[in-house]
């Protein structure tokens, strides 16, 4: 077994964003892939920074680089008196199952999974709904009638993105071809941009001219490959339109930043339980800005906004692969 460095010598442990945090300062524990992945983790960081700037408060942050650190670092934050503690990623479900009961007076927030404990707020997103909308945009923009998807780990959460994307595309054109591939089956799948680019290139060789990446840091390689090939990509989680202006068709927004901001604002006395961030709650969506507005026509916006309204009204249901592992669009 490889020994971990002593926690006191680990640079990322309990790093403070400004000055010395108070004992009851909130904390943010990032998932694998790095804080500045320009996607999921970075969205969370942006939410914490927005809270800091608006309140003048301080918070702790910690990055994990190995699976063995999950429980260890969550305990260290709790022992340091952080409250609430926001923990990112579905892989931390067992972390909080183990740690949260030992600190019943500390509020924990888990993003992307559910833990049914009295001191845990579980925040989940309707990724399939946002993916449906960008799938529609891809189907309206493609010139080859073939689009594609690159996921990180092949798990139900990521397949929910793929399934929603395919449903939206086929709502526009039932005959469209949707290619779906994943990067891997281990956490390394979130941080391998070279592999992501290779998969995207293989999809382009099969006729895809628009690729949607839901793969954390790996997705950066997908977006780069699309620009290099003169084709289009779709970003995820954060607004990634600015990374390759004119090449990124849009980004499927997942407002992790808002979930973190809300948790820090609500503080230790927050309401716990399950929070669902769907289209109706403004938790997911798509991005149009100065970097891609010339790629999205008024007709495309009208069609997508009509679908958004229908989903919110309950008139249009988007299948969630996590509740039923059969996707009607595959």
C-alpha atoms as a PDB file:
ATOM      1  CA  UNK A   1       0.000   0.000   0.000  1.00  0.00           C
ATOM      2  CA  UNK A   2       1.321   3.434  -0.915  1.00  0.00           C
ATOM      3  CA  UNK A   3       1.559   5.712   2.094  1.00  0.00           C
ATOM      4  CA  UNK A   4      -0.194   9.049   1.880  1.00  0.00           C
ATOM      5  CA  UNK A   5       1.710  12.209   2.681  1.00  0.00           C
ATOM      6  CA  UNK A   6       1.016  13.547   6.178  1.00  0.00           C
ATOM      7  CA  UNK A   7      -2.013  15.781   6.006  1.00  0.00           C
ATOM      8  CA  UNK A   8      -0.119  18.699   7.481  1.00  0.00           C
ATOM      9  CA  UNK A   9       2.246  18.605   4.507  1.00  0.00           C
ATOM     10  CA  UNK A  10      -0.412  18.248   1.814  1.00  0.00           C
ATOM     11  CA  UNK A  11      -0.636  21.640   0.137  1.00  0.00           C
ATOM     12  CA  UNK A  12      -4.256  21.325  -0.873  1.00  0.00           C
ATOM     13  CA  UNK A  13      -5.567  20.369   2.553  1.00  0.00           C
ATOM     14  CA  UNK A  14      -7.717  23.007   4.184  1.00  0.00           C
ATOM     15  CA  UNK A  15      -6.494  25.735   1.859  1.00  0.00           C
ATOM     16  CA  UNK A  16      -8.149  29.040   2.624  1.00  0.00           C
ATOM     17  CA  UNK A  17      -9.422  31.428   0.006  1.00  0.00           C
ATOM     18  CA  UNK A  18      -8.585  34.457   2.100  1.00  0.00           C
ATOM     19  CA  UNK A  19      -6.942  34.954   5.455  1.00  0.00           C
ATOM     20  CA  UNK A  20      -7.632  32.627   8.329  1.00  0.00           C
ATOM     21  CA  UNK A  21     -11.042  30.960   8.253  1.00  0.00           C
ATOM     22  CA  UNK A  22     -13.116  30.802  11.390  1.00  0.00           C
ATOM     23  CA  UNK A  23     -13.772  27.438  12.970  1.00  0.00           C
ATOM     24  CA  UNK A  24     -17.349  27.353  11.699  1.00  0.00           C
ATOM     25  CA  UNK A  25     -16.511  28.514   8.158  1.00  0.00           C
ATOM     26  CA  UNK A  26     -18.115  26.545   5.338  1.00  0.00           C
ATOM     27  CA  UNK A  27     -15.993  24.176   3.305  1.00  0.00           C
ATOM     28  CA  UNK A  28     -15.911  22.747  -0.197  1.00  0.00           C
ATOM     29  CA  UNK A  29     -14.430  19.369  -1.059  1.00  0.00           C
ATOM     30  CA  UNK A  30     -13.784  18.991  -4.775  1.00  0.00           C
ATOM     31  CA  UNK A  31     -14.110  15.741  -6.689  1.00  0.00           C
ATOM     32  CA  UNK A  32     -11.444  14.109  -8.838  1.00  0.00           C
ATOM     33  CA  UNK A  33     -10.371  16.024 -11.922  1.00  0.00           C
ATOM     34  CA  UNK A  34      -9.017  19.175 -10.322  1.00  0.00           C
ATOM     35  CA  UNK A  35     -10.527  22.419  -9.090  1.00  0.00           C
ATOM     36  CA  UNK A  36      -9.909  24.209 -12.375  1.00  0.00           C
ATOM     37  CA  UNK A  37     -11.378  21.615 -14.733  1.00  0.00           C
ATOM     38  CA  UNK A  38     -13.434  24.376 -16.448  1.00  0.00           C
ATOM     39  CA  UNK A  39     -16.475  22.189 -15.829  1.00  0.00           C
ATOM     40  CA  UNK A  40     -18.054  20.548 -12.756  1.00  0.00           C
ATOM     41  CA  UNK A  41     -15.474  21.336 -10.073  1.00  0.00           C
ATOM     42  CA  UNK A  42     -14.791  24.818 -11.339  1.00  0.00           C
ATOM     43  CA  UNK A  43     -18.502  25.605 -11.346  1.00  0.00           C
ATOM     44  CA  UNK A  44     -18.577  24.723  -7.649  1.00  0.00           C
ATOM     45  CA  UNK A  45     -15.531  26.911  -7.022  1.00  0.00           C
ATOM     46  CA  UNK A  46     -17.222  29.814  -8.805  1.00  0.00           C
ATOM     47  CA  UNK A  47     -20.242  29.465  -6.540  1.00  0.00           C
ATOM     48  CA  UNK A  48     -18.060  29.520  -3.435  1.00  0.00           C
ATOM     49  CA  UNK A  49     -16.196  32.554  -4.725  1.00  0.00           C
ATOM     50  CA  UNK A  50     -19.459  34.350  -5.467  1.00  0.00           C
ATOM     51  CA  UNK A  51     -20.532  33.730  -1.866  1.00  0.00           C
ATOM     52  CA  UNK A  52     -17.187  34.996  -0.575  1.00  0.00           C
ATOM     53  CA  UNK A  53     -17.355  38.150  -2.670  1.00  0.00           C
ATOM     54  CA  UNK A  54     -20.954  38.919  -1.724  1.00  0.00           C
ATOM     55  CA  UNK A  55     -20.573  38.269   2.013  1.00  0.00           C
ATOM     56  CA  UNK A  56     -16.919  38.940   2.778  1.00  0.00           C
ATOM     57  CA  UNK A  57     -16.779  35.518   4.432  1.00  0.00           C
ATOM     58  CA  UNK A  58     -14.076  32.898   4.182  1.00  0.00           C
ATOM     59  CA  UNK A  59     -14.268  29.212   3.435  1.00  0.00           C
ATOM     60  CA  UNK A  60     -12.053  26.180   3.377  1.00  0.00           C
ATOM     61  CA  UNK A  61     -11.411  24.163   0.224  1.00  0.00           C
ATOM     62  CA  UNK A  62      -9.752  20.829  -0.346  1.00  0.00           C
ATOM     63  CA  UNK A  63      -8.860  18.826  -3.462  1.00  0.00           C
ATOM     64  CA  UNK A  64      -8.603  15.070  -3.511  1.00  0.00           C
ATOM     65  CA  UNK A  65      -6.138  13.318  -5.782  1.00  0.00           C
ATOM     66  CA  UNK A  66      -6.760   9.702  -4.736  1.00  0.00           C
ATOM     67  CA  UNK A  67      -9.810   7.657  -3.844  1.00  0.00           C
ATOM     68  CA  UNK A  68      -8.393   6.862  -0.408  1.00  0.00           C
ATOM     69  CA  UNK A  69      -8.534  10.537   0.537  1.00  0.00           C
ATOM     70  CA  UNK A  70     -12.309  10.890   0.332  1.00  0.00           C
ATOM     71  CA  UNK A  71     -13.240   9.771   3.843  1.00  0.00           C
ATOM     72  CA  UNK A  72      -9.995  11.046   5.325  1.00  0.00           C
ATOM     73  CA  UNK A  73     -10.431  14.582   4.021  1.00  0.00           C
ATOM     74  CA  UNK A  74     -14.142  14.775   4.815  1.00  0.00           C
ATOM     75  CA  UNK A  75     -13.350  13.855   8.409  1.00  0.00           C
ATOM     76  CA  UNK A  76     -10.564  16.403   8.584  1.00  0.00           C
ATOM     77  CA  UNK A  77     -12.932  19.171   7.486  1.00  0.00           C
ATOM     78  CA  UNK A  78     -15.507  18.116  10.075  1.00  0.00           C
ATOM     79  CA  UNK A  79     -12.880  17.909  12.821  1.00  0.00           C
ATOM     80  CA  UNK A  80     -11.706  21.417  11.907  1.00  0.00           C
ATOM     81  CA  UNK A  81     -15.208  22.700  12.617  1.00  0.00           C
ATOM     82  CA  UNK A  82     -16.283  23.518   9.068  1.00  0.00           C
ATOM     83  CA  UNK A  83     -20.053  23.864   8.767  1.00  0.00           C
ATOM     84  CA  UNK A  84     -21.628  23.313   6.317  1.00  0.00           C
ATOM     85  CA  UNK A  85     -19.374  21.012   4.315  1.00  0.00           C
ATOM     86  CA  UNK A  86     -20.186  20.718   0.600  1.00  0.00           C
ATOM     87  CA  UNK A  87     -18.929  17.492  -0.975  1.00  0.00           C
ATOM     88  CA  UNK A  88     -18.913  17.096  -4.750  1.00  0.00           C
ATOM     89  CA  UNK A  89     -19.659  14.053  -6.852  1.00  0.00           C
ATOM     90  CA  UNK A  90     -21.656  10.834  -6.877  1.00  0.00           C
ATOM     91  CA  UNK A  91     -18.562   8.889  -5.788  1.00  0.00           C
ATOM     92  CA  UNK A  92     -18.794  10.555  -2.376  1.00  0.00           C
ATOM     93  CA  UNK A  93     -22.116   8.929  -1.523  1.00  0.00           C
ATOM     94  CA  UNK A  94     -20.364   6.232   0.571  1.00  0.00           C
ATOM     95  CA  UNK A  95     -18.101   8.932   2.015  1.00  0.00           C
ATOM     96  CA  UNK A  96     -21.023  10.699   3.648  1.00  0.00           C
ATOM     97  CA  UNK A  97     -22.761   7.466   4.590  1.00  0.00           C
ATOM     98  CA  UNK A  98     -19.667   6.770   6.686  1.00  0.00           C
ATOM     99  CA  UNK A  99     -18.725  10.247   7.885  1.00  0.00           C
ATOM    100  CA  UNK A 100     -21.948  12.241   8.381  1.00  0.00           C
ATOM    101  CA  UNK A 101     -23.385  10.061  11.209  1.00  0.00           C
ATOM    102  CA  UNK A 102     -20.251  10.717  13.268  1.00  0.00           C
ATOM    103  CA  UNK A 103     -20.840  14.484  13.132  1.00  0.00           C
ATOM    104  CA  UNK A 104     -24.602  14.860  13.684  1.00  0.00           C
ATOM    105  CA  UNK A 105     -24.327  18.567  14.505  1.00  0.00           C
ATOM    106  CA  UNK A 106     -22.545  19.362  11.216  1.00  0.00           C
ATOM    107  CA  UNK A 107     -24.500  20.000   8.026  1.00  0.00           C
ATOM    108  CA  UNK A 108     -23.229  18.222   4.918  1.00  0.00           C
ATOM    109  CA  UNK A 109     -24.250  18.859   1.320  1.00  0.00           C
ATOM    110  CA  UNK A 110     -23.745  16.157  -1.308  1.00  0.00           C
ATOM    111  CA  UNK A 111     -23.983  17.173  -4.939  1.00  0.00           C
ATOM    112  CA  UNK A 112     -24.949  14.523  -7.507  1.00  0.00           C
ATOM    113  CA  UNK A 113     -26.109  11.740  -5.187  1.00  0.00           C
ATOM    114  CA  UNK A 114     -28.575  11.085  -2.365  1.00  0.00           C
ATOM    115  CA  UNK A 115     -27.754  10.158   1.227  1.00  0.00           C
ATOM    116  CA  UNK A 116     -30.784   9.830   3.481  1.00  0.00           C
ATOM    117  CA  UNK A 117     -29.453  11.196   6.756  1.00  0.00           C
ATOM    118  CA  UNK A 118     -30.907  14.007   8.883  1.00  0.00           C
ATOM    119  CA  UNK A 119     -27.833  16.234   8.561  1.00  0.00           C
ATOM    120  CA  UNK A 120     -27.353  15.833   4.785  1.00  0.00           C
ATOM    121  CA  UNK A 121     -28.756  17.934   1.966  1.00  0.00           C
ATOM    122  CA  UNK A 122     -28.622  15.928  -1.255  1.00  0.00           C
ATOM    123  CA  UNK A 123     -28.637  18.035  -4.422  1.00  0.00           C
ATOM    124  CA  UNK A 124     -29.427  16.274  -7.678  1.00  0.00           C
ATOM    125  CA  UNK A 125     -29.869  17.725 -11.139  1.00  0.00           C
ATOM    126  CA  UNK A 126     -32.190  16.848 -14.025  1.00  0.00           C
ATOM    127  CA  UNK A 127     -29.293  16.566 -16.450  1.00  0.00           C
ATOM    128  CA  UNK A 128     -31.509  14.738 -18.915  1.00  0.00           C
ATOM    129  CA  UNK A 129     -33.689  17.843 -19.315  1.00  0.00           C
ATOM    130  CA  UNK A 130     -30.818  20.191 -20.126  1.00  0.00           C
ATOM    131  CA  UNK A 131     -29.295  17.565 -22.406  1.00  0.00           C
ATOM    132  CA  UNK A 132     -32.592  17.254 -24.262  1.00  0.00           C
ATOM    133  CA  UNK A 133     -32.452  20.950 -25.126  1.00  0.00           C
ATOM    134  CA  UNK A 134     -28.871  20.854 -26.429  1.00  0.00           C
ATOM    135  CA  UNK A 135     -29.724  17.678 -28.344  1.00  0.00           C
ATOM    136  CA  UNK A 136     -32.410  19.643 -30.133  1.00  0.00           C
ATOM    137  CA  UNK A 137     -29.906  22.378 -30.981  1.00  0.00           C
ATOM    138  CA  UNK A 138     -27.423  19.806 -32.283  1.00  0.00           C
ATOM    139  CA  UNK A 139     -30.070  18.197 -34.490  1.00  0.00           C
ATOM    140  CA  UNK A 140     -31.043  21.571 -35.930  1.00  0.00           C
ATOM    141  CA  UNK A 141     -27.416  22.550 -36.569  1.00  0.00           C
ATOM    142  CA  UNK A 142     -25.912  19.345 -37.986  1.00  0.00           C
ATOM    143  CA  UNK A 143     -25.083  19.201 -41.664  1.00  0.00           C
ATOM    144  CA  UNK A 144     -24.297  15.471 -41.735  1.00  0.00           C
ATOM    145  CA  UNK A 145     -27.328  14.092 -39.867  1.00  0.00           C
ATOM    146  CA  UNK A 146     -24.858  12.488 -37.424  1.00  0.00           C
ATOM    147  CA  UNK A 147     -24.000  13.845 -33.991  1.00  0.00           C
ATOM    148  CA  UNK A 148     -22.136  12.288 -31.082  1.00  0.00           C
ATOM    149  CA  UNK A 149     -21.566  12.157 -27.334  1.00  0.00           C
ATOM    150  CA  UNK A 150     -18.406  11.546 -25.288  1.00  0.00           C
ATOM    151  CA  UNK A 151     -19.032  10.631 -21.662  1.00  0.00           C
ATOM    152  CA  UNK A 152     -16.583  10.221 -18.811  1.00  0.00           C
ATOM    153  CA  UNK A 153     -17.214   7.106 -16.719  1.00  0.00           C
ATOM    154  CA  UNK A 154     -19.895   4.825 -18.088  1.00  0.00           C
ATOM    155  CA  UNK A 155     -22.295   5.158 -15.194  1.00  0.00           C
ATOM    156  CA  UNK A 156     -26.067   5.866 -15.023  1.00  0.00           C
ATOM    157  CA  UNK A 157     -25.497   9.563 -14.246  1.00  0.00           C
ATOM    158  CA  UNK A 158     -23.531  10.127 -17.452  1.00  0.00           C
ATOM    159  CA  UNK A 159     -25.759   7.872 -19.520  1.00  0.00           C
ATOM    160  CA  UNK A 160     -28.631  10.114 -18.393  1.00  0.00           C
ATOM    161  CA  UNK A 161     -26.879  12.970 -20.219  1.00  0.00           C
ATOM    162  CA  UNK A 162     -26.468  10.820 -23.336  1.00  0.00           C
ATOM    163  CA  UNK A 163     -30.046   9.570 -23.265  1.00  0.00           C
ATOM    164  CA  UNK A 164     -31.513  13.051 -22.853  1.00  0.00           C
ATOM    165  CA  UNK A 165     -29.284  14.353 -25.659  1.00  0.00           C
ATOM    166  CA  UNK A 166     -30.427  11.597 -28.011  1.00  0.00           C
ATOM    167  CA  UNK A 167     -34.093  12.139 -27.079  1.00  0.00           C
ATOM    168  CA  UNK A 168     -33.873  15.847 -27.877  1.00  0.00           C
ATOM    169  CA  UNK A 169     -32.103  15.209 -31.167  1.00  0.00           C
ATOM    170  CA  UNK A 170     -34.623  12.592 -32.274  1.00  0.00           C
ATOM    171  CA  UNK A 171     -37.529  14.826 -31.334  1.00  0.00           C
ATOM    172  CA  UNK A 172     -36.249  17.133 -34.069  1.00  0.00           C
ATOM    173  CA  UNK A 173     -35.265  14.389 -36.516  1.00  0.00           C
ATOM    174  CA  UNK A 174     -36.213  10.771 -35.774  1.00  0.00           C
ATOM    175  CA  UNK A 175     -33.716   9.556 -38.383  1.00  0.00           C
ATOM    176  CA  UNK A 176     -30.654  11.302 -36.943  1.00  0.00           C
ATOM    177  CA  UNK A 177     -27.653   9.115 -36.049  1.00  0.00           C
ATOM    178  CA  UNK A 178     -26.339   9.572 -32.493  1.00  0.00           C
ATOM    179  CA  UNK A 179     -22.951   8.009 -31.672  1.00  0.00           C
ATOM    180  CA  UNK A 180     -22.246   7.426 -27.965  1.00  0.00           C
ATOM    181  CA  UNK A 181     -18.871   6.535 -26.433  1.00  0.00           C
ATOM    182  CA  UNK A 182     -17.340   6.711 -22.950  1.00  0.00           C
ATOM    183  CA  UNK A 183     -13.802   7.431 -21.835  1.00  0.00           C
ATOM    184  CA  UNK A 184     -13.391   4.716 -19.225  1.00  0.00           C
ATOM    185  CA  UNK A 185     -14.667   2.910 -16.152  1.00  0.00           C
ATOM    186  CA  UNK A 186     -12.435   4.435 -13.463  1.00  0.00           C
ATOM    187  CA  UNK A 187     -12.137   7.966 -12.013  1.00  0.00           C
ATOM    188  CA  UNK A 188      -9.257   8.604 -14.423  1.00  0.00           C
ATOM    189  CA  UNK A 189     -11.952   8.991 -17.089  1.00  0.00           C
ATOM    190  CA  UNK A 190     -12.636  12.503 -15.811  1.00  0.00           C
ATOM    191  CA  UNK A 191      -9.165  13.860 -16.428  1.00  0.00           C
ATOM    192  CA  UNK A 192      -7.843  12.485 -19.733  1.00  0.00           C
ATOM    193  CA  UNK A 193      -8.208  15.172 -22.417  1.00  0.00           C
ATOM    194  CA  UNK A 194      -5.935  13.295 -24.810  1.00  0.00           C
ATOM    195  CA  UNK A 195      -8.207  10.255 -24.747  1.00  0.00           C
ATOM    196  CA  UNK A 196     -11.250  12.507 -25.056  1.00  0.00           C
ATOM    197  CA  UNK A 197      -9.802  14.063 -28.192  1.00  0.00           C
ATOM    198  CA  UNK A 198      -9.040  10.658 -29.666  1.00  0.00           C
ATOM    199  CA  UNK A 199     -12.601   9.451 -29.129  1.00  0.00           C
ATOM    200  CA  UNK A 200     -13.997  12.614 -30.694  1.00  0.00           C
ATOM    201  CA  UNK A 201     -11.745  12.219 -33.733  1.00  0.00           C
ATOM    202  CA  UNK A 202     -12.981   8.642 -34.171  1.00  0.00           C
ATOM    203  CA  UNK A 203     -16.561   9.908 -34.052  1.00  0.00           C
ATOM    204  CA  UNK A 204     -15.780  12.571 -36.647  1.00  0.00           C
ATOM    205  CA  UNK A 205     -14.458   9.842 -38.931  1.00  0.00           C
ATOM    206  CA  UNK A 206     -17.920   8.232 -38.646  1.00  0.00           C
ATOM    207  CA  UNK A 207     -19.610  11.394 -39.853  1.00  0.00           C
ATOM    208  CA  UNK A 208     -20.349  13.300 -36.649  1.00  0.00           C
ATOM    209  CA  UNK A 209     -20.043  17.049 -37.032  1.00  0.00           C
ATOM    210  CA  UNK A 210     -21.255  18.019 -33.527  1.00  0.00           C
ATOM    211  CA  UNK A 211     -20.039  16.354 -30.314  1.00  0.00           C
ATOM    212  CA  UNK A 212     -21.400  16.803 -26.785  1.00  0.00           C
ATOM    213  CA  UNK A 213     -18.882  16.138 -24.010  1.00  0.00           C
ATOM    214  CA  UNK A 214     -19.954  15.251 -20.463  1.00  0.00           C
ATOM    215  CA  UNK A 215     -16.602  14.137 -19.132  1.00  0.00           C
ATOM    216  CA  UNK A 216     -15.151  16.721 -16.760  1.00  0.00           C
ATOM    217  CA  UNK A 217     -11.592  17.692 -17.653  1.00  0.00           C
ATOM    218  CA  UNK A 218     -11.554  15.046 -20.383  1.00  0.00           C
ATOM    219  CA  UNK A 219     -14.094  17.128 -22.236  1.00  0.00           C
ATOM    220  CA  UNK A 220     -11.512  19.839 -22.819  1.00  0.00           C
ATOM    221  CA  UNK A 221      -9.805  17.493 -25.256  1.00  0.00           C
ATOM    222  CA  UNK A 222     -13.116  16.868 -27.001  1.00  0.00           C
ATOM    223  CA  UNK A 223     -13.740  20.578 -27.474  1.00  0.00           C
ATOM    224  CA  UNK A 224     -10.201  21.097 -28.759  1.00  0.00           C
ATOM    225  CA  UNK A 225     -10.536  18.210 -31.219  1.00  0.00           C
ATOM    226  CA  UNK A 226     -13.731  19.712 -32.618  1.00  0.00           C
ATOM    227  CA  UNK A 227     -12.098  23.084 -33.204  1.00  0.00           C
ATOM    228  CA  UNK A 228      -9.045  21.429 -34.782  1.00  0.00           C
ATOM    229  CA  UNK A 229     -11.351  19.542 -37.153  1.00  0.00           C
ATOM    230  CA  UNK A 230     -13.370  22.625 -38.028  1.00  0.00           C
ATOM    231  CA  UNK A 231     -16.458  21.099 -36.432  1.00  0.00           C
ATOM    232  CA  UNK A 232     -18.717  21.931 -33.493  1.00  0.00           C
ATOM    233  CA  UNK A 233     -18.832  20.851 -29.875  1.00  0.00           C
ATOM    234  CA  UNK A 234     -21.186  21.274 -26.925  1.00  0.00           C
ATOM    235  CA  UNK A 235     -19.768  22.045 -23.489  1.00  0.00           C
ATOM    236  CA  UNK A 236     -21.105  20.915 -20.138  1.00  0.00           C
ATOM    237  CA  UNK A 237     -21.763  22.047 -16.561  1.00  0.00           C
ATOM    238  CA  UNK A 238     -20.070  25.458 -16.830  1.00  0.00           C
ATOM    239  CA  UNK A 239     -20.535  27.812 -19.785  1.00  0.00           C
ATOM    240  CA  UNK A 240     -17.661  26.669 -21.985  1.00  0.00           C
ATOM    241  CA  UNK A 241     -18.598  28.749 -25.038  1.00  0.00           C
ATOM    242  CA  UNK A 242     -15.650  31.072 -24.495  1.00  0.00           C
ATOM    243  CA  UNK A 243     -13.064  28.287 -24.642  1.00  0.00           C
ATOM    244  CA  UNK A 244     -13.377  27.962 -28.420  1.00  0.00           C
ATOM    245  CA  UNK A 245     -15.534  30.856 -29.678  1.00  0.00           C
ATOM    246  CA  UNK A 246     -17.403  29.954 -32.839  1.00  0.00           C
ATOM    247  CA  UNK A 247     -16.663  26.260 -32.419  1.00  0.00           C
ATOM    248  CA  UNK A 248     -18.711  25.551 -29.276  1.00  0.00           C
ATOM    249  CA  UNK A 249     -22.338  25.439 -30.431  1.00  0.00           C
ATOM    250  CA  UNK A 250     -23.616  25.832 -26.854  1.00  0.00           C
ATOM    251  CA  UNK A 251     -23.039  24.489 -23.353  1.00  0.00           C
ATOM    252  CA  UNK A 252     -25.422  22.399 -21.270  1.00  0.00           C
ATOM    253  CA  UNK A 253     -25.518  24.325 -18.015  1.00  0.00           C
ATOM    254  CA  UNK A 254     -25.697  22.540 -14.697  1.00  0.00           C
ATOM    255  CA  UNK A 255     -25.818  25.171 -11.984  1.00  0.00           C
ATOM    256  CA  UNK A 256     -23.507  23.545  -9.470  1.00  0.00           C
ATOM    257  CA  UNK A 257     -22.327  27.062  -8.636  1.00  0.00           C
ATOM    258  CA  UNK A 258     -25.821  27.994  -7.480  1.00  0.00           C
ATOM    259  CA  UNK A 259     -26.090  24.836  -5.358  1.00  0.00           C
ATOM    260  CA  UNK A 260     -22.837  25.720  -3.578  1.00  0.00           C
ATOM    261  CA  UNK A 261     -23.796  29.370  -3.188  1.00  0.00           C
ATOM    262  CA  UNK A 262     -27.166  28.393  -1.722  1.00  0.00           C
ATOM    263  CA  UNK A 263     -25.561  25.944   0.715  1.00  0.00           C
ATOM    264  CA  UNK A 264     -23.027  28.453   1.962  1.00  0.00           C
ATOM    265  CA  UNK A 265     -25.735  31.120   2.261  1.00  0.00           C
ATOM    266  CA  UNK A 266     -28.137  28.853   4.135  1.00  0.00           C
ATOM    267  CA  UNK A 267     -25.356  27.921   6.543  1.00  0.00           C
ATOM    268  CA  UNK A 268     -25.304  25.348   9.351  1.00  0.00           C
ATOM    269  CA  UNK A 269     -29.057  25.637   9.998  1.00  0.00           C
ATOM    270  CA  UNK A 270     -29.971  24.788   6.413  1.00  0.00           C
ATOM    271  CA  UNK A 271     -32.933  22.637   5.507  1.00  0.00           C
ATOM    272  CA  UNK A 272     -31.706  19.150   4.662  1.00  0.00           C
ATOM    273  CA  UNK A 273     -33.235  16.425   2.500  1.00  0.00           C
ATOM    274  CA  UNK A 274     -33.323  16.098  -1.281  1.00  0.00           C
ATOM    275  CA  UNK A 275     -33.180  19.174  -3.505  1.00  0.00           C
ATOM    276  CA  UNK A 276     -33.958  18.629  -7.207  1.00  0.00           C
ATOM    277  CA  UNK A 277     -32.528  21.234  -9.570  1.00  0.00           C
ATOM    278  CA  UNK A 278     -34.414  20.767 -12.828  1.00  0.00           C
ATOM    279  CA  UNK A 279     -35.561  23.116 -15.580  1.00  0.00           C
ATOM    280  CA  UNK A 280     -38.420  24.389 -13.445  1.00  0.00           C
ATOM    281  CA  UNK A 281     -35.998  25.275 -10.649  1.00  0.00           C
ATOM    282  CA  UNK A 282     -33.528  26.853 -13.056  1.00  0.00           C
ATOM    283  CA  UNK A 283     -30.976  24.170 -12.241  1.00  0.00           C
ATOM    284  CA  UNK A 284     -30.137  23.196 -15.833  1.00  0.00           C
ATOM    285  CA  UNK A 285     -30.252  24.924 -19.183  1.00  0.00           C
ATOM    286  CA  UNK A 286     -28.180  25.961 -22.181  1.00  0.00           C
ATOM    287  CA  UNK A 287     -25.916  28.926 -22.878  1.00  0.00           C
ATOM    288  CA  UNK A 288     -26.213  31.581 -25.562  1.00  0.00           C
ATOM    289  CA  UNK A 289     -23.793  34.513 -25.387  1.00  0.00           C
ATOM    290  CA  UNK A 290     -21.552  36.643 -27.558  1.00  0.00           C
ATOM    291  CA  UNK A 291     -19.356  33.636 -28.332  1.00  0.00           C
ATOM    292  CA  UNK A 292     -22.054  31.502 -29.964  1.00  0.00           C
ATOM    293  CA  UNK A 293     -25.087  33.682 -30.696  1.00  0.00           C
ATOM    294  CA  UNK A 294     -24.224  33.717 -34.397  1.00  0.00           C
ATOM    295  CA  UNK A 295     -24.518  29.912 -34.408  1.00  0.00           C
ATOM    296  CA  UNK A 296     -28.022  29.781 -32.889  1.00  0.00           C
ATOM    297  CA  UNK A 297     -30.858  31.133 -35.028  1.00  0.00           C
ATOM    298  CA  UNK A 298     -34.075  32.667 -33.728  1.00  0.00           C
ATOM    299  CA  UNK A 299     -35.962  29.644 -35.051  1.00  0.00           C
ATOM    300  CA  UNK A 300     -33.715  27.316 -33.049  1.00  0.00           C
ATOM    301  CA  UNK A 301     -34.257  29.340 -29.891  1.00  0.00           C
ATOM    302  CA  UNK A 302     -38.017  29.340 -30.435  1.00  0.00           C
ATOM    303  CA  UNK A 303     -38.100  25.558 -30.796  1.00  0.00           C
ATOM    304  CA  UNK A 304     -35.965  24.957 -27.723  1.00  0.00           C
ATOM    305  CA  UNK A 305     -37.875  27.449 -25.600  1.00  0.00           C
ATOM    306  CA  UNK A 306     -41.142  25.786 -26.574  1.00  0.00           C
ATOM    307  CA  UNK A 307     -39.723  22.447 -25.432  1.00  0.00           C
ATOM    308  CA  UNK A 308     -38.453  23.998 -22.206  1.00  0.00           C
ATOM    309  CA  UNK A 309     -41.926  25.366 -21.458  1.00  0.00           C
ATOM    310  CA  UNK A 310     -43.534  22.013 -22.236  1.00  0.00           C
ATOM    311  CA  UNK A 311     -41.120  20.172 -19.924  1.00  0.00           C
ATOM    312  CA  UNK A 312     -41.726  22.629 -17.085  1.00  0.00           C
ATOM    313  CA  UNK A 313     -45.506  22.394 -17.602  1.00  0.00           C
ATOM    314  CA  UNK A 314     -45.356  18.595 -17.487  1.00  0.00           C
ATOM    315  CA  UNK A 315     -46.575  18.306 -21.068  1.00  0.00           C
ATOM    316  CA  UNK A 316     -43.274  16.779 -22.228  1.00  0.00           C
ATOM    317  CA  UNK A 317     -41.476  14.136 -20.214  1.00  0.00           C
ATOM    318  CA  UNK A 318     -37.773  13.430 -20.687  1.00  0.00           C
ATOM    319  CA  UNK A 319     -36.764   9.902 -19.738  1.00  0.00           C
ATOM    320  CA  UNK A 320     -34.324   9.638 -16.818  1.00  0.00           C
ATOM    321  CA  UNK A 321     -31.975   6.721 -17.399  1.00  0.00           C
ATOM    322  CA  UNK A 322     -31.173   6.542 -13.676  1.00  0.00           C
ATOM    323  CA  UNK A 323     -34.720   5.484 -12.838  1.00  0.00           C
ATOM    324  CA  UNK A 324     -35.136   3.134 -15.814  1.00  0.00           C
ATOM    325  CA  UNK A 325     -32.029   1.855 -17.574  1.00  0.00           C
ATOM    326  CA  UNK A 326     -33.702   1.570 -20.946  1.00  0.00           C
ATOM    327  CA  UNK A 327     -33.356   4.661 -23.104  1.00  0.00           C
ATOM    328  CA  UNK A 328     -36.141   5.131 -25.674  1.00  0.00           C
ATOM    329  CA  UNK A 329     -33.729   6.970 -27.973  1.00  0.00           C
ATOM    330  CA  UNK A 330     -31.040   4.267 -28.126  1.00  0.00           C
END
